[in-house]
Amino acid sequence: MIDTRLIDDALAALRAGLPANLSRDLENNLRGALTGMLERLDLVTREEFDVQQAVLARTRARLEQLEREVAELERTLLKK
């Protein structure tokens, strides 16, 4: 989901410098264009990113643990 506060802030800055009648039309057109453009970028929220980063960290830790276990098993098998 796109954070619309960024779009709102940008449009407010533009609106401040334009006449009222032009401001509303421009805002509507720009809001649609910016929203569509951002949605096509396939962005994720910070929360979603943080969740995936935590999942990756747990997966990496588990992989390292399994690599150590395999190495130990290989050493054990070579001794026999």
PDB file of N, CA and C in Angstrom:
ATOM      1  N   MET A   1       0.839  -1.176   0.000  1.00  0.00           N
ATOM      2  CA  MET A   1       0.000   0.000   0.000  1.00  0.00           C
ATOM      3  C   MET A   1       0.888   1.245   0.000  1.00  0.00           C
ATOM      4  N   ILE A   2       0.579   2.182  -0.837  1.00  0.00           N
ATOM      5  CA  ILE A   2       1.361   3.400  -0.990  1.00  0.00           C
ATOM      6  C   ILE A   2       0.988   4.388   0.116  1.00  0.00           C
ATOM      7  N   ASP A   3       1.991   5.011   0.714  1.00  0.00           N
ATOM      8  CA  ASP A   3       1.763   6.036   1.726  1.00  0.00           C
ATOM      9  C   ASP A   3       1.391   7.324   1.008  1.00  0.00           C
ATOM     10  N   THR A   4       0.140   7.723   1.098  1.00  0.00           N
ATOM     11  CA  THR A   4      -0.332   8.893   0.357  1.00  0.00           C
ATOM     12  C   THR A   4       0.093  10.214   0.991  1.00  0.00           C
ATOM     13  N   ARG A   5       0.695  10.174   2.170  1.00  0.00           N
ATOM     14  CA  ARG A   5       1.157  11.429   2.788  1.00  0.00           C
ATOM     15  C   ARG A   5       2.202  12.123   1.922  1.00  0.00           C
ATOM     16  N   LEU A   6       3.063  11.347   1.295  1.00  0.00           N
ATOM     17  CA  LEU A   6       4.085  11.952   0.424  1.00  0.00           C
ATOM     18  C   LEU A   6       3.442  12.674  -0.749  1.00  0.00           C
ATOM     19  N   ILE A   7       2.443  12.033  -1.330  1.00  0.00           N
ATOM     20  CA  ILE A   7       1.734  12.645  -2.457  1.00  0.00           C
ATOM     21  C   ILE A   7       1.000  13.894  -1.976  1.00  0.00           C
ATOM     22  N   ASP A   8       0.330  13.791  -0.826  1.00  0.00           N
ATOM     23  CA  ASP A   8      -0.401  14.936  -0.277  1.00  0.00           C
ATOM     24  C   ASP A   8       0.527  16.113  -0.020  1.00  0.00           C
ATOM     25  N   ASP A   9       1.693  15.852   0.532  1.00  0.00           N
ATOM     26  CA  ASP A   9       2.657  16.922   0.822  1.00  0.00           C
ATOM     27  C   ASP A   9       3.144  17.601  -0.461  1.00  0.00           C
ATOM     28  N   ALA A  10       3.447  16.790  -1.464  1.00  0.00           N
ATOM     29  CA  ALA A  10       3.919  17.349  -2.735  1.00  0.00           C
ATOM     30  C   ALA A  10       2.828  18.190  -3.399  1.00  0.00           C
ATOM     31  N   LEU A  11       1.597  17.701  -3.351  1.00  0.00           N
ATOM     32  CA  LEU A  11       0.497  18.439  -3.968  1.00  0.00           C
ATOM     33  C   LEU A  11       0.183  19.720  -3.204  1.00  0.00           C
ATOM     34  N   ALA A  12       0.307  19.682  -1.889  1.00  0.00           N
ATOM     35  CA  ALA A  12       0.068  20.890  -1.095  1.00  0.00           C
ATOM     36  C   ALA A  12       1.083  21.974  -1.448  1.00  0.00           C
ATOM     37  N   ALA A  13       2.320  21.584  -1.657  1.00  0.00           N
ATOM     38  CA  ALA A  13       3.348  22.552  -2.024  1.00  0.00           C
ATOM     39  C   ALA A  13       3.048  23.169  -3.387  1.00  0.00           C
ATOM     40  N   LEU A  14       2.598  22.349  -4.328  1.00  0.00           N
ATOM     41  CA  LEU A  14       2.247  22.872  -5.649  1.00  0.00           C
ATOM     42  C   LEU A  14       1.009  23.764  -5.586  1.00  0.00           C
ATOM     43  N   ARG A  15       0.031  23.350  -4.811  1.00  0.00           N
ATOM     44  CA  ARG A  15      -1.226  24.072  -4.705  1.00  0.00           C
ATOM     45  C   ARG A  15      -1.012  25.475  -4.119  1.00  0.00           C
ATOM     46  N   ALA A  16      -0.071  25.603  -3.220  1.00  0.00           N
ATOM     47  CA  ALA A  16       0.169  26.890  -2.564  1.00  0.00           C
ATOM     48  C   ALA A  16       0.581  27.976  -3.552  1.00  0.00           C
ATOM     49  N   GLY A  17       1.211  27.585  -4.634  1.00  0.00           N
ATOM     50  CA  GLY A  17       1.699  28.582  -5.580  1.00  0.00           C
ATOM     51  C   GLY A  17       0.821  28.795  -6.794  1.00  0.00           C
ATOM     52  N   LEU A  18      -0.360  28.179  -6.825  1.00  0.00           N
ATOM     53  CA  LEU A  18      -1.221  28.278  -8.002  1.00  0.00           C
ATOM     54  C   LEU A  18      -2.554  28.947  -7.668  1.00  0.00           C
ATOM     55  N   PRO A  19      -3.181  29.549  -8.670  1.00  0.00           N
ATOM     56  CA  PRO A  19      -4.536  30.081  -8.456  1.00  0.00           C
ATOM     57  C   PRO A  19      -5.500  28.940  -8.109  1.00  0.00           C
ATOM     58  N   ALA A  20      -6.538  29.239  -7.350  1.00  0.00           N
ATOM     59  CA  ALA A  20      -7.459  28.210  -6.828  1.00  0.00           C
ATOM     60  C   ALA A  20      -8.111  27.397  -7.930  1.00  0.00           C
ATOM     61  N   ASN A  21      -8.556  28.023  -9.006  1.00  0.00           N
ATOM     62  CA  ASN A  21      -9.259  27.277 -10.054  1.00  0.00           C
ATOM     63  C   ASN A  21      -8.329  26.312 -10.791  1.00  0.00           C
ATOM     64  N   LEU A  22      -7.101  26.671 -10.975  1.00  0.00           N
ATOM     65  CA  LEU A  22      -6.127  25.797 -11.634  1.00  0.00           C
ATOM     66  C   LEU A  22      -5.603  24.745 -10.665  1.00  0.00           C
ATOM     67  N   SER A  23      -5.548  25.128  -9.415  1.00  0.00           N
ATOM     68  CA  SER A  23      -4.998  24.260  -8.387  1.00  0.00           C
ATOM     69  C   SER A  23      -5.755  22.936  -8.270  1.00  0.00           C
ATOM     70  N   ARG A  24      -7.072  22.968  -8.233  1.00  0.00           N
ATOM     71  CA  ARG A  24      -7.874  21.755  -8.036  1.00  0.00           C
ATOM     72  C   ARG A  24      -7.722  20.791  -9.221  1.00  0.00           C
ATOM     73  N   ASP A  25      -7.785  21.302 -10.448  1.00  0.00           N
ATOM     74  CA  ASP A  25      -7.633  20.442 -11.627  1.00  0.00           C
ATOM     75  C   ASP A  25      -6.242  19.815 -11.672  1.00  0.00           C
ATOM     76  N   LEU A  26      -5.242  20.628 -11.413  1.00  0.00           N
ATOM     77  CA  LEU A  26      -3.876  20.127 -11.432  1.00  0.00           C
ATOM     78  C   LEU A  26      -3.676  19.077 -10.351  1.00  0.00           C
ATOM     79  N   GLU A  27      -4.232  19.339  -9.163  1.00  0.00           N
ATOM     80  CA  GLU A  27      -4.101  18.381  -8.063  1.00  0.00           C
ATOM     81  C   GLU A  27      -4.726  17.037  -8.424  1.00  0.00           C
ATOM     82  N   ASN A  28      -5.920  17.063  -8.984  1.00  0.00           N
ATOM     83  CA  ASN A  28      -6.584  15.808  -9.356  1.00  0.00           C
ATOM     84  C   ASN A  28      -5.778  15.030 -10.397  1.00  0.00           C
ATOM     85  N   ASN A  29      -5.287  15.724 -11.385  1.00  0.00           N
ATOM     86  CA  ASN A  29      -4.510  15.060 -12.434  1.00  0.00           C
ATOM     87  C   ASN A  29      -3.185  14.516 -11.901  1.00  0.00           C
ATOM     88  N   LEU A  30      -2.500  15.321 -11.112  1.00  0.00           N
ATOM     89  CA  LEU A  30      -1.214  14.878 -10.570  1.00  0.00           C
ATOM     90  C   LEU A  30      -1.372  13.737  -9.572  1.00  0.00           C
ATOM     91  N   ARG A  31      -2.417  13.804  -8.738  1.00  0.00           N
ATOM     92  CA  ARG A  31      -2.647  12.737  -7.762  1.00  0.00           C
ATOM     93  C   ARG A  31      -2.844  11.397  -8.485  1.00  0.00           C
ATOM     94  N   GLY A  32      -3.655  11.398  -9.521  1.00  0.00           N
ATOM     95  CA  GLY A  32      -3.879  10.174 -10.284  1.00  0.00           C
ATOM     96  C   GLY A  32      -2.611   9.663 -10.943  1.00  0.00           C
ATOM     97  N   ALA A  33      -1.861  10.586 -11.532  1.00  0.00           N
ATOM     98  CA  ALA A  33      -0.623  10.190 -12.213  1.00  0.00           C
ATOM     99  C   ALA A  33       0.409   9.656 -11.225  1.00  0.00           C
ATOM    100  N   LEU A  34       0.601  10.352 -10.110  1.00  0.00           N
ATOM    101  CA  LEU A  34       1.596   9.919  -9.121  1.00  0.00           C
ATOM    102  C   LEU A  34       1.207   8.592  -8.475  1.00  0.00           C
ATOM    103  N   THR A  35      -0.054   8.458  -8.131  1.00  0.00           N
ATOM    104  CA  THR A  35      -0.511   7.213  -7.514  1.00  0.00           C
ATOM    105  C   THR A  35      -0.315   6.035  -8.464  1.00  0.00           C
ATOM    106  N   GLY A  36      -0.702   6.212  -9.709  1.00  0.00           N
ATOM    107  CA  GLY A  36      -0.522   5.145 -10.687  1.00  0.00           C
ATOM    108  C   GLY A  36       0.932   4.784 -10.892  1.00  0.00           C
ATOM    109  N   MET A  37       1.779   5.782 -10.952  1.00  0.00           N
ATOM    110  CA  MET A  37       3.208   5.552 -11.147  1.00  0.00           C
ATOM    111  C   MET A  37       3.804   4.796  -9.954  1.00  0.00           C
ATOM    112  N   LEU A  38       3.458   5.209  -8.747  1.00  0.00           N
ATOM    113  CA  LEU A  38       3.991   4.548  -7.560  1.00  0.00           C
ATOM    114  C   LEU A  38       3.479   3.117  -7.422  1.00  0.00           C
ATOM    115  N   GLU A  39       2.229   2.879  -7.784  1.00  0.00           N
ATOM    116  CA  GLU A  39       1.686   1.521  -7.703  1.00  0.00           C
ATOM    117  C   GLU A  39       2.389   0.575  -8.677  1.00  0.00           C
ATOM    118  N   ARG A  40       2.781   1.075  -9.825  1.00  0.00           N
ATOM    119  CA  ARG A  40       3.484   0.239 -10.800  1.00  0.00           C
ATOM    120  C   ARG A  40       4.899  -0.119 -10.346  1.00  0.00           C
ATOM    121  N   LEU A  41       5.432   0.626  -9.403  1.00  0.00           N
ATOM    122  CA  LEU A  41       6.783   0.351  -8.915  1.00  0.00           C
ATOM    123  C   LEU A  41       6.826  -0.878  -8.010  1.00  0.00           C
ATOM    124  N   ASP A  42       5.664  -1.367  -7.594  1.00  0.00           N
ATOM    125  CA  ASP A  42       5.583  -2.566  -6.766  1.00  0.00           C
ATOM    126  C   ASP A  42       6.410  -2.401  -5.484  1.00  0.00           C
ATOM    127  N   LEU A  43       6.161  -1.327  -4.774  1.00  0.00           N
ATOM    128  CA  LEU A  43       6.877  -1.021  -3.540  1.00  0.00           C
ATOM    129  C   LEU A  43       6.228  -1.738  -2.357  1.00  0.00           C
ATOM    130  N   VAL A  44       6.974  -1.914  -1.302  1.00  0.00           N
ATOM    131  CA  VAL A  44       6.432  -2.487  -0.070  1.00  0.00           C
ATOM    132  C   VAL A  44       6.574  -1.467   1.054  1.00  0.00           C
ATOM    133  N   THR A  45       5.766  -1.649   2.089  1.00  0.00           N
ATOM    134  CA  THR A  45       5.868  -0.759   3.232  1.00  0.00           C
ATOM    135  C   THR A  45       7.105  -1.109   4.045  1.00  0.00           C
ATOM    136  N   ARG A  46       7.500  -0.215   4.912  1.00  0.00           N
ATOM    137  CA  ARG A  46       8.649  -0.457   5.784  1.00  0.00           C
ATOM    138  C   ARG A  46       8.375  -1.652   6.690  1.00  0.00           C
ATOM    139  N   GLU A  47       7.141  -1.758   7.166  1.00  0.00           N
ATOM    140  CA  GLU A  47       6.766  -2.879   8.030  1.00  0.00           C
ATOM    141  C   GLU A  47       6.923  -4.213   7.293  1.00  0.00           C
ATOM    142  N   GLU A  48       6.442  -4.281   6.054  1.00  0.00           N
ATOM    143  CA  GLU A  48       6.595  -5.505   5.271  1.00  0.00           C
ATOM    144  C   GLU A  48       8.071  -5.830   5.041  1.00  0.00           C
ATOM    145  N   PHE A  49       8.859  -4.805   4.759  1.00  0.00           N
ATOM    146  CA  PHE A  49      10.291  -4.996   4.550  1.00  0.00           C
ATOM    147  C   PHE A  49      10.950  -5.546   5.809  1.00  0.00           C
ATOM    148  N   ASP A  50      10.614  -4.958   6.963  1.00  0.00           N
ATOM    149  CA  ASP A  50      11.203  -5.400   8.233  1.00  0.00           C
ATOM    150  C   ASP A  50      10.831  -6.843   8.553  1.00  0.00           C
ATOM    151  N   VAL A  51       9.590  -7.220   8.265  1.00  0.00           N
ATOM    152  CA  VAL A  51       9.159  -8.606   8.505  1.00  0.00           C
ATOM    153  C   VAL A  51       9.968  -9.556   7.637  1.00  0.00           C
ATOM    154  N   GLN A  52      10.118  -9.236   6.366  1.00  0.00           N
ATOM    155  CA  GLN A  52      10.873 -10.104   5.461  1.00  0.00           C
ATOM    156  C   GLN A  52      12.353 -10.151   5.836  1.00  0.00           C
ATOM    157  N   GLN A  53      12.875  -9.049   6.321  1.00  0.00           N
ATOM    158  CA  GLN A  53      14.270  -9.016   6.755  1.00  0.00           C
ATOM    159  C   GLN A  53      14.466  -9.943   7.958  1.00  0.00           C
ATOM    160  N   ALA A  54      13.499  -9.962   8.877  1.00  0.00           N
ATOM    161  CA  ALA A  54      13.584 -10.848  10.037  1.00  0.00           C
ATOM    162  C   ALA A  54      13.488 -12.309   9.618  1.00  0.00           C
ATOM    163  N   VAL A  55      12.615 -12.604   8.669  1.00  0.00           N
ATOM    164  CA  VAL A  55      12.492 -13.971   8.158  1.00  0.00           C
ATOM    165  C   VAL A  55      13.808 -14.403   7.517  1.00  0.00           C
ATOM    166  N   LEU A  56      14.401 -13.530   6.736  1.00  0.00           N
ATOM    167  CA  LEU A  56      15.678 -13.838   6.094  1.00  0.00           C
ATOM    168  C   LEU A  56      16.774 -14.080   7.126  1.00  0.00           C
ATOM    169  N   ALA A  57      16.805 -13.274   8.180  1.00  0.00           N
ATOM    170  CA  ALA A  57      17.821 -13.451   9.218  1.00  0.00           C
ATOM    171  C   ALA A  57      17.664 -14.804   9.901  1.00  0.00           C
ATOM    172  N   ARG A  58      16.421 -15.205  10.207  1.00  0.00           N
ATOM    173  CA  ARG A  58      16.192 -16.515  10.827  1.00  0.00           C
ATOM    174  C   ARG A  58      16.580 -17.642   9.872  1.00  0.00           C
ATOM    175  N   THR A  59      16.256 -17.482   8.606  1.00  0.00           N
ATOM    176  CA  THR A  59      16.600 -18.498   7.617  1.00  0.00           C
ATOM    177  C   THR A  59      18.108 -18.623   7.473  1.00  0.00           C
ATOM    178  N   ARG A  60      18.796 -17.490   7.451  1.00  0.00           N
ATOM    179  CA  ARG A  60      20.256 -17.504   7.339  1.00  0.00           C
ATOM    180  C   ARG A  60      20.884 -18.188   8.558  1.00  0.00           C
ATOM    181  N   ALA A  61      20.372 -17.895   9.750  1.00  0.00           N
ATOM    182  CA  ALA A  61      20.900 -18.509  10.969  1.00  0.00           C
ATOM    183  C   ALA A  61      20.677 -20.024  10.939  1.00  0.00           C
ATOM    184  N   ARG A  62      19.516 -20.437  10.483  1.00  0.00           N
ATOM    185  CA  ARG A  62      19.221 -21.877  10.401  1.00  0.00           C
ATOM    186  C   ARG A  62      20.127 -22.553   9.378  1.00  0.00           C
ATOM    187  N   LEU A  63      20.355 -21.909   8.251  1.00  0.00           N
ATOM    188  CA  LEU A  63      21.244 -22.459   7.228  1.00  0.00           C
ATOM    189  C   LEU A  63      22.655 -22.623   7.784  1.00  0.00           C
ATOM    190  N   GLU A  64      23.145 -21.632   8.496  1.00  0.00           N
ATOM    191  CA  GLU A  64      24.493 -21.724   9.069  1.00  0.00           C
ATOM    192  C   GLU A  64      24.572 -22.862  10.084  1.00  0.00           C
ATOM    193  N   GLN A  65      23.503 -23.027  10.863  1.00  0.00           N
ATOM    194  CA  GLN A  65      23.465 -24.132  11.830  1.00  0.00           C
ATOM    195  C   GLN A  65      23.506 -25.481  11.103  1.00  0.00           C
ATOM    196  N   LEU A  66      22.727 -25.602  10.055  1.00  0.00           N
ATOM    197  CA  LEU A  66      22.709 -26.854   9.294  1.00  0.00           C
ATOM    198  C   LEU A  66      24.054 -27.121   8.626  1.00  0.00           C
ATOM    199  N   GLU A  67      24.714 -26.078   8.136  1.00  0.00           N
ATOM    200  CA  GLU A  67      26.037 -26.254   7.535  1.00  0.00           C
ATOM    201  C   GLU A  67      27.038 -26.778   8.565  1.00  0.00           C
ATOM    202  N   ARG A  68      26.953 -26.250   9.789  1.00  0.00           N
ATOM    203  CA  ARG A  68      27.845 -26.746  10.847  1.00  0.00           C
ATOM    204  C   ARG A  68      27.549 -28.214  11.169  1.00  0.00           C
ATOM    205  N   GLU A  69      26.275 -28.570  11.212  1.00  0.00           N
ATOM    206  CA  GLU A  69      25.908 -29.950  11.513  1.00  0.00           C
ATOM    207  C   GLU A  69      26.383 -30.902  10.419  1.00  0.00           C
ATOM    208  N   VAL A  70      26.246 -30.497   9.169  1.00  0.00           N
ATOM    209  CA  VAL A  70      26.713 -31.327   8.053  1.00  0.00           C
ATOM    210  C   VAL A  70      28.225 -31.493   8.116  1.00  0.00           C
ATOM    211  N   ALA A  71      28.933 -30.417   8.405  1.00  0.00           N
ATOM    212  CA  ALA A  71      30.393 -30.492   8.511  1.00  0.00           C
ATOM    213  C   ALA A  71      30.792 -31.458   9.630  1.00  0.00           C
ATOM    214  N   GLU A  72      30.092 -31.401  10.745  1.00  0.00           N
ATOM    215  CA  GLU A  72      30.387 -32.302  11.859  1.00  0.00           C
ATOM    216  C   GLU A  72      30.100 -33.754  11.473  1.00  0.00           C
ATOM    217  N   LEU A  73      28.989 -33.984  10.791  1.00  0.00           N
ATOM    218  CA  LEU A  73      28.667 -35.336  10.337  1.00  0.00           C
ATOM    219  C   LEU A  73      29.717 -35.857   9.354  1.00  0.00           C
ATOM    220  N   GLU A  74      30.173 -34.976   8.461  1.00  0.00           N
ATOM    221  CA  GLU A  74      31.209 -35.392   7.507  1.00  0.00           C
ATOM    222  C   GLU A  74      32.496 -35.757   8.233  1.00  0.00           C
ATOM    223  N   ARG A  75      32.868 -34.962   9.229  1.00  0.00           N
ATOM    224  CA  ARG A  75      34.085 -35.290  10.008  1.00  0.00           C
ATOM    225  C   ARG A  75      33.922 -36.633  10.722  1.00  0.00           C
ATOM    226  N   THR A  76      32.742 -36.868  11.263  1.00  0.00           N
ATOM    227  CA  THR A  76      32.466 -38.128  11.973  1.00  0.00           C
ATOM    228  C   THR A  76      32.558 -39.308  11.017  1.00  0.00           C
ATOM    229  N   LEU A  77      31.994 -39.151   9.834  1.00  0.00           N
ATOM    230  CA  LEU A  77      32.036 -40.252   8.854  1.00  0.00           C
ATOM    231  C   LEU A  77      33.450 -40.517   8.343  1.00  0.00           C
ATOM    232  N   LEU A  78      34.269 -39.513   8.215  1.00  0.00           N
ATOM    233  CA  LEU A  78      35.634 -39.679   7.724  1.00  0.00           C
ATOM    234  C   LEU A  78      36.520 -40.369   8.763  1.00  0.00           C
ATOM    235  N   LYS A  79      36.192 -40.220  10.030  1.00  0.00           N
ATOM    236  CA  LYS A  79      36.973 -40.860  11.086  1.00  0.00           C
ATOM    237  C   LYS A  79      36.747 -42.361  11.123  1.00  0.00           C
ATOM    238  N   LYS A  80      35.639 -42.841  10.611  1.00  0.00           N
ATOM    239  CA  LYS A  80      35.312 -44.283  10.699  1.00  0.00           C
ATOM    240  C   LYS A  80      35.982 -45.080   9.615  1.00  0.00           C
TER     241      LYS A  80
END
